[in-house]
Amino acid sequence: MSDARISDEEPDRTTRLEMRMAEQERAVEELSGEVARQWKVIEKLERQAERMAERFLSLEEALRPAPATKPPHW
């Protein structure tokens, strides 16, 4: 009797496992797409940060006071 019960439950169990696997595959695909999208955002932000740092350094250099020099008669 126990063999009949196991064989009756087997298709349900297999179906549930297949459904769970399909859901997990879908979730992995969605997460992979999200990671790829976020990577693009990170790369864009890194480029912006580099440009801002360069701009800041050039502004800082432009605003740096000239060194004081003694007049020629000193």
N, C-alpha and C. Protein backbone atom coordinates (compact mmCIF):
# COMPACT_ATOMS: atom_id res chain seq x y z
N MET A 1 0.81 -1.20 0.00
CA MET A 1 0.00 0.00 0.00
C MET A 1 0.85 1.26 0.00
N SER A 2 1.92 1.25 0.71
CA SER A 2 2.75 2.44 0.75
C SER A 2 3.36 2.73 -0.61
N ASP A 3 3.63 1.71 -1.41
CA ASP A 3 4.17 1.93 -2.75
C ASP A 3 3.16 2.64 -3.64
N ALA A 4 1.90 2.34 -3.51
CA ALA A 4 0.86 3.00 -4.30
C ALA A 4 0.75 4.46 -3.91
N ARG A 5 0.84 4.74 -2.63
CA ARG A 5 0.75 6.11 -2.17
C ARG A 5 1.93 6.95 -2.68
N ILE A 6 3.11 6.39 -2.64
CA ILE A 6 4.30 7.09 -3.13
C ILE A 6 4.17 7.37 -4.61
N SER A 7 3.74 6.40 -5.38
CA SER A 7 3.64 6.61 -6.83
C SER A 7 2.52 7.60 -7.16
N ASP A 8 1.46 7.66 -6.34
CA ASP A 8 0.40 8.65 -6.56
C ASP A 8 0.90 10.07 -6.26
N GLU A 9 1.76 10.23 -5.27
CA GLU A 9 2.25 11.53 -4.89
C GLU A 9 3.40 12.00 -5.78
N GLU A 10 4.06 11.07 -6.43
CA GLU A 10 5.25 11.41 -7.21
C GLU A 10 4.97 12.44 -8.30
N PRO A 11 3.92 12.32 -9.12
CA PRO A 11 3.68 13.36 -10.14
C PRO A 11 3.45 14.74 -9.51
N ASP A 12 2.74 14.81 -8.40
CA ASP A 12 2.51 16.09 -7.74
C ASP A 12 3.82 16.68 -7.24
N ARG A 13 4.63 15.84 -6.66
CA ARG A 13 5.92 16.30 -6.15
C ARG A 13 6.80 16.78 -7.30
N THR A 14 6.83 16.02 -8.37
CA THR A 14 7.63 16.40 -9.54
C THR A 14 7.12 17.71 -10.12
N THR A 15 5.83 17.86 -10.21
CA THR A 15 5.24 19.09 -10.75
C THR A 15 5.60 20.27 -9.86
N ARG A 16 5.48 20.10 -8.55
CA ARG A 16 5.83 21.18 -7.63
C ARG A 16 7.30 21.57 -7.76
N LEU A 17 8.17 20.57 -7.88
CA LEU A 17 9.59 20.86 -8.03
C LEU A 17 9.87 21.57 -9.35
N GLU A 18 9.21 21.16 -10.40
CA GLU A 18 9.40 21.82 -11.69
C GLU A 18 8.90 23.26 -11.65
N MET A 19 7.78 23.48 -10.97
CA MET A 19 7.25 24.83 -10.85
C MET A 19 8.21 25.71 -10.03
N ARG A 20 8.72 25.15 -8.95
CA ARG A 20 9.65 25.89 -8.11
C ARG A 20 10.92 26.23 -8.90
N MET A 21 11.42 25.28 -9.68
CA MET A 21 12.61 25.52 -10.48
C MET A 21 12.36 26.60 -11.52
N ALA A 22 11.20 26.58 -12.15
CA ALA A 22 10.86 27.61 -13.14
C ALA A 22 10.80 28.99 -12.48
N GLU A 23 10.21 29.07 -11.30
CA GLU A 23 10.14 30.34 -10.58
C GLU A 23 11.54 30.84 -10.21
N GLN A 24 12.40 29.92 -9.79
CA GLN A 24 13.77 30.31 -9.43
C GLN A 24 14.55 30.76 -10.66
N GLU A 25 14.37 30.10 -11.78
CA GLU A 25 15.03 30.52 -13.01
C GLU A 25 14.59 31.92 -13.41
N ARG A 26 13.30 32.20 -13.29
CA ARG A 26 12.78 33.52 -13.60
C ARG A 26 13.37 34.56 -12.66
N ALA A 27 13.43 34.23 -11.38
CA ALA A 27 13.99 35.17 -10.39
C ALA A 27 15.47 35.44 -10.68
N VAL A 28 16.21 34.41 -11.05
CA VAL A 28 17.63 34.58 -11.36
C VAL A 28 17.77 35.48 -12.58
N GLU A 29 16.95 35.30 -13.59
CA GLU A 29 17.01 36.14 -14.78
C GLU A 29 16.70 37.60 -14.45
N GLU A 30 15.69 37.81 -13.63
CA GLU A 30 15.33 39.17 -13.22
C GLU A 30 16.47 39.83 -12.44
N LEU A 31 17.05 39.07 -11.51
CA LEU A 31 18.15 39.62 -10.71
C LEU A 31 19.36 39.90 -11.58
N SER A 32 19.62 39.04 -12.54
CA SER A 32 20.74 39.25 -13.44
C SER A 32 20.54 40.54 -14.24
N GLY A 33 19.34 40.76 -14.73
CA GLY A 33 19.04 41.98 -15.46
C GLY A 33 19.19 43.21 -14.58
N GLU A 34 18.76 43.11 -13.35
CA GLU A 34 18.87 44.24 -12.43
C GLU A 34 20.33 44.54 -12.11
N VAL A 35 21.13 43.51 -11.91
CA VAL A 35 22.56 43.71 -11.65
C VAL A 35 23.22 44.39 -12.85
N ALA A 36 22.88 43.96 -14.05
CA ALA A 36 23.45 44.57 -15.26
C ALA A 36 23.05 46.04 -15.35
N ARG A 37 21.79 46.34 -15.05
CA ARG A 37 21.32 47.73 -15.09
C ARG A 37 22.05 48.57 -14.05
N GLN A 38 22.20 48.05 -12.85
CA GLN A 38 22.87 48.79 -11.79
C GLN A 38 24.35 48.98 -12.10
N TRP A 39 24.96 48.01 -12.76
CA TRP A 39 26.37 48.14 -13.13
C TRP A 39 26.55 49.32 -14.08
N LYS A 40 25.63 49.47 -15.03
CA LYS A 40 25.69 50.60 -15.96
C LYS A 40 25.56 51.92 -15.21
N VAL A 41 24.67 51.96 -14.23
CA VAL A 41 24.50 53.18 -13.42
C VAL A 41 25.78 53.48 -12.64
N ILE A 42 26.39 52.46 -12.07
CA ILE A 42 27.62 52.64 -11.30
C ILE A 42 28.72 53.18 -12.20
N GLU A 43 28.87 52.61 -13.39
CA GLU A 43 29.90 53.09 -14.32
C GLU A 43 29.65 54.55 -14.69
N LYS A 44 28.39 54.92 -14.92
CA LYS A 44 28.07 56.30 -15.25
C LYS A 44 28.43 57.22 -14.09
N LEU A 45 28.09 56.83 -12.88
CA LEU A 45 28.39 57.64 -11.71
C LEU A 45 29.91 57.76 -11.48
N GLU A 46 30.64 56.69 -11.75
CA GLU A 46 32.10 56.76 -11.63
C GLU A 46 32.68 57.78 -12.61
N ARG A 47 32.19 57.77 -13.85
CA ARG A 47 32.67 58.74 -14.84
C ARG A 47 32.33 60.17 -14.40
N GLN A 48 31.13 60.36 -13.88
CA GLN A 48 30.74 61.69 -13.42
C GLN A 48 31.63 62.14 -12.26
N ALA A 49 31.91 61.24 -11.33
CA ALA A 49 32.75 61.58 -10.18
C ALA A 49 34.15 61.95 -10.64
N GLU A 50 34.68 61.23 -11.63
CA GLU A 50 36.01 61.55 -12.16
C GLU A 50 36.01 62.95 -12.80
N ARG A 51 34.98 63.24 -13.59
CA ARG A 51 34.90 64.56 -14.22
C ARG A 51 34.78 65.65 -13.17
N MET A 52 33.99 65.43 -12.14
CA MET A 52 33.83 66.43 -11.09
C MET A 52 35.14 66.64 -10.34
N ALA A 53 35.88 65.57 -10.08
CA ALA A 53 37.16 65.70 -9.39
C ALA A 53 38.14 66.50 -10.25
N GLU A 54 38.19 66.22 -11.53
CA GLU A 54 39.07 66.98 -12.43
C GLU A 54 38.67 68.45 -12.47
N ARG A 55 37.40 68.69 -12.54
CA ARG A 55 36.90 70.07 -12.58
C ARG A 55 37.24 70.79 -11.28
N PHE A 56 37.04 70.13 -10.17
CA PHE A 56 37.36 70.72 -8.87
C PHE A 56 38.83 71.08 -8.79
N LEU A 57 39.69 70.15 -9.23
CA LEU A 57 41.13 70.41 -9.17
C LEU A 57 41.52 71.59 -10.07
N SER A 58 40.91 71.68 -11.24
CA SER A 58 41.24 72.80 -12.12
C SER A 58 40.74 74.12 -11.54
N LEU A 59 39.57 74.12 -10.92
CA LEU A 59 39.07 75.34 -10.26
C LEU A 59 39.95 75.71 -9.08
N GLU A 60 40.35 74.72 -8.32
CA GLU A 60 41.21 74.97 -7.17
C GLU A 60 42.53 75.58 -7.64
N GLU A 61 43.08 75.06 -8.72
CA GLU A 61 44.33 75.59 -9.27
C GLU A 61 44.15 77.03 -9.75
N ALA A 62 43.03 77.29 -10.41
CA ALA A 62 42.77 78.63 -10.94
C ALA A 62 42.58 79.65 -9.81
N LEU A 63 42.05 79.23 -8.70
CA LEU A 63 41.79 80.15 -7.60
C LEU A 63 42.95 80.28 -6.62
N ARG A 64 43.97 79.47 -6.81
CA ARG A 64 45.13 79.52 -5.91
C ARG A 64 45.81 80.88 -6.08
N PRO A 65 46.08 81.56 -4.97
CA PRO A 65 46.71 82.88 -5.08
C PRO A 65 48.14 82.75 -5.61
N ALA A 66 48.52 83.75 -6.35
CA ALA A 66 49.88 83.77 -6.89
C ALA A 66 50.86 83.94 -5.74
N PRO A 67 52.02 83.35 -5.84
CA PRO A 67 53.00 83.51 -4.76
C PRO A 67 53.45 84.96 -4.67
N ALA A 68 53.64 85.40 -3.46
CA ALA A 68 54.07 86.78 -3.23
C ALA A 68 55.52 86.92 -3.68
N THR A 69 55.76 87.92 -4.48
CA THR A 69 57.15 88.18 -4.90
C THR A 69 57.55 89.57 -4.42
N LYS A 70 58.79 89.73 -4.15
CA LYS A 70 59.28 91.02 -3.70
C LYS A 70 59.41 91.95 -4.91
N PRO A 71 59.08 93.18 -4.72
CA PRO A 71 59.28 94.11 -5.83
C PRO A 71 60.76 94.18 -6.17
N PRO A 72 61.10 94.56 -7.40
CA PRO A 72 62.50 94.57 -7.82
C PRO A 72 63.39 95.50 -6.97
N HIS A 73 62.84 96.53 -6.34
CA HIS A 73 63.68 97.45 -5.58
C HIS A 73 64.05 96.91 -4.19
N TRP A 74 63.59 95.79 -3.80
CA TRP A 74 63.93 95.25 -2.48
C TRP A 74 65.26 94.62 -2.52
